[in-house]
Each structure stands twice: as C-alpha cells, then as structure tokens.
Amino acid sequence: MPRKVTLNTKAPDFELEDTSGRPVRLSDYLGKKSVILIFNRGFV
C-alpha cells in the first residue's frame, strides 16, 4: 500500500532499477543540487 506524502515534508526513500537494471535509491542523491523524477504510465 502506498504511503501518504504531505506537502513540505521530505520525500520517502525508495529504490528503483535504472535502464541497465542497476538499483538506484533516492538517498543516493542526498546532498546533490536537484533531482528530477519522471514516472511514465507506460507506452500506449
């Protein structure tokens, strides 16, 4: 079940695979200037 996220709070850490199948965590980018997340619903 998804966790509820509220405004003005830190994003929860999560892990997904990159296009090469390697795991990447949001926390891997902690301290970097910015992170852009793009979630596609799929190809139609």
N, C-alpha and C. Protein backbone atom coordinates (compact mmCIF):
# COMPACT_ATOMS: atom_id res chain seq x y z
N MET A 1 0.84 -1.17 0.00
CA MET A 1 0.00 0.00 0.00
C MET A 1 0.89 1.24 0.00
N PRO A 2 0.62 2.22 -0.87
CA PRO A 2 1.44 3.43 -0.93
C PRO A 2 1.34 4.24 0.36
N ARG A 3 2.45 4.88 0.69
CA ARG A 3 2.45 5.77 1.85
C ARG A 3 1.96 7.14 1.42
N LYS A 4 1.24 7.82 2.30
CA LYS A 4 0.76 9.16 2.01
C LYS A 4 1.92 10.14 2.19
N VAL A 5 2.07 11.04 1.23
CA VAL A 5 3.11 12.06 1.28
C VAL A 5 2.41 13.41 1.41
N THR A 6 2.87 14.23 2.34
CA THR A 6 2.26 15.54 2.53
C THR A 6 3.21 16.63 2.07
N LEU A 7 2.65 17.79 1.78
CA LEU A 7 3.45 18.93 1.34
C LEU A 7 4.43 19.36 2.42
N ASN A 8 5.55 19.90 1.98
CA ASN A 8 6.59 20.47 2.86
C ASN A 8 7.22 19.44 3.79
N THR A 9 7.27 18.19 3.36
CA THR A 9 7.99 17.16 4.11
C THR A 9 9.00 16.50 3.18
N LYS A 10 9.99 15.85 3.75
CA LYS A 10 10.98 15.15 2.94
C LYS A 10 10.34 13.97 2.23
N ALA A 11 10.80 13.73 1.01
CA ALA A 11 10.31 12.58 0.25
C ALA A 11 10.82 11.29 0.89
N PRO A 12 10.00 10.25 0.93
CA PRO A 12 10.48 8.98 1.48
C PRO A 12 11.52 8.35 0.55
N ASP A 13 12.48 7.66 1.13
CA ASP A 13 13.50 6.99 0.33
C ASP A 13 12.86 5.80 -0.38
N PHE A 14 13.27 5.55 -1.61
CA PHE A 14 12.79 4.40 -2.36
C PHE A 14 13.87 3.94 -3.31
N GLU A 15 13.70 2.75 -3.84
CA GLU A 15 14.68 2.17 -4.76
C GLU A 15 13.97 1.66 -6.01
N LEU A 16 14.54 1.99 -7.17
CA LEU A 16 14.05 1.51 -8.46
C LEU A 16 15.24 1.10 -9.29
N GLU A 17 15.00 0.37 -10.37
CA GLU A 17 16.08 -0.01 -11.27
C GLU A 17 16.23 1.04 -12.36
N ASP A 18 17.50 1.31 -12.75
CA ASP A 18 17.73 2.20 -13.88
C ASP A 18 17.55 1.41 -15.17
N THR A 19 17.80 2.05 -16.30
CA THR A 19 17.58 1.40 -17.59
C THR A 19 18.52 0.22 -17.83
N SER A 20 19.58 0.12 -17.03
CA SER A 20 20.51 -1.01 -17.14
C SER A 20 20.23 -2.10 -16.12
N GLY A 21 19.18 -1.91 -15.32
CA GLY A 21 18.82 -2.91 -14.32
C GLY A 21 19.52 -2.75 -12.98
N ARG A 22 20.33 -1.71 -12.82
CA ARG A 22 21.03 -1.47 -11.55
C ARG A 22 20.12 -0.73 -10.58
N PRO A 23 20.13 -1.11 -9.30
CA PRO A 23 19.29 -0.42 -8.33
C PRO A 23 19.81 0.99 -8.04
N VAL A 24 18.88 1.92 -7.93
CA VAL A 24 19.20 3.31 -7.62
C VAL A 24 18.23 3.76 -6.53
N ARG A 25 18.76 4.34 -5.47
CA ARG A 25 17.94 4.84 -4.37
C ARG A 25 17.88 6.36 -4.43
N LEU A 26 16.78 6.92 -3.98
CA LEU A 26 16.67 8.37 -3.89
C LEU A 26 17.77 8.92 -2.98
N SER A 27 18.09 8.21 -1.92
CA SER A 27 19.11 8.66 -0.97
C SER A 27 20.51 8.71 -1.60
N ASP A 28 20.71 8.05 -2.75
CA ASP A 28 21.99 8.14 -3.45
C ASP A 28 22.28 9.57 -3.89
N TYR A 29 21.25 10.38 -3.99
CA TYR A 29 21.39 11.75 -4.48
C TYR A 29 21.30 12.78 -3.36
N LEU A 30 21.31 12.33 -2.11
CA LEU A 30 21.27 13.23 -0.97
C LEU A 30 22.47 14.17 -1.01
N GLY A 31 22.22 15.46 -0.90
CA GLY A 31 23.29 16.44 -0.94
C GLY A 31 23.55 16.99 -2.33
N LYS A 32 22.96 16.39 -3.36
CA LYS A 32 23.10 16.92 -4.72
C LYS A 32 22.18 18.13 -4.85
N LYS A 33 22.41 18.93 -5.87
CA LYS A 33 21.63 20.16 -6.03
C LYS A 33 20.16 19.89 -6.31
N SER A 34 19.85 19.03 -7.25
CA SER A 34 18.45 18.73 -7.56
C SER A 34 18.29 17.33 -8.12
N VAL A 35 17.08 16.85 -7.99
CA VAL A 35 16.71 15.54 -8.52
C VAL A 35 15.40 15.72 -9.28
N ILE A 36 15.33 15.19 -10.49
CA ILE A 36 14.10 15.23 -11.27
C ILE A 36 13.60 13.80 -11.43
N LEU A 37 12.37 13.57 -11.02
CA LEU A 37 11.76 12.25 -11.13
C LEU A 37 10.69 12.29 -12.20
N ILE A 38 10.71 11.31 -13.10
CA ILE A 38 9.70 11.21 -14.14
C ILE A 38 9.11 9.81 -14.08
N PHE A 39 7.82 9.74 -13.87
CA PHE A 39 7.12 8.47 -13.81
C PHE A 39 6.18 8.38 -15.02
N ASN A 40 6.47 7.47 -15.92
CA ASN A 40 5.62 7.25 -17.09
C ASN A 40 4.61 6.15 -16.79
N ARG A 41 3.41 6.31 -17.28
CA ARG A 41 2.38 5.30 -17.08
C ARG A 41 2.59 4.12 -18.01
N GLY A 42 3.42 4.27 -18.98
CA GLY A 42 3.68 3.19 -19.93
C GLY A 42 3.51 3.69 -21.35
N PHE A 43 3.86 2.85 -22.28
CA PHE A 43 3.73 3.22 -23.68
C PHE A 43 2.41 2.69 -24.21
N VAL A 44 1.71 3.54 -24.91
CA VAL A 44 0.40 3.16 -25.46
C VAL A 44 0.53 2.96 -26.94
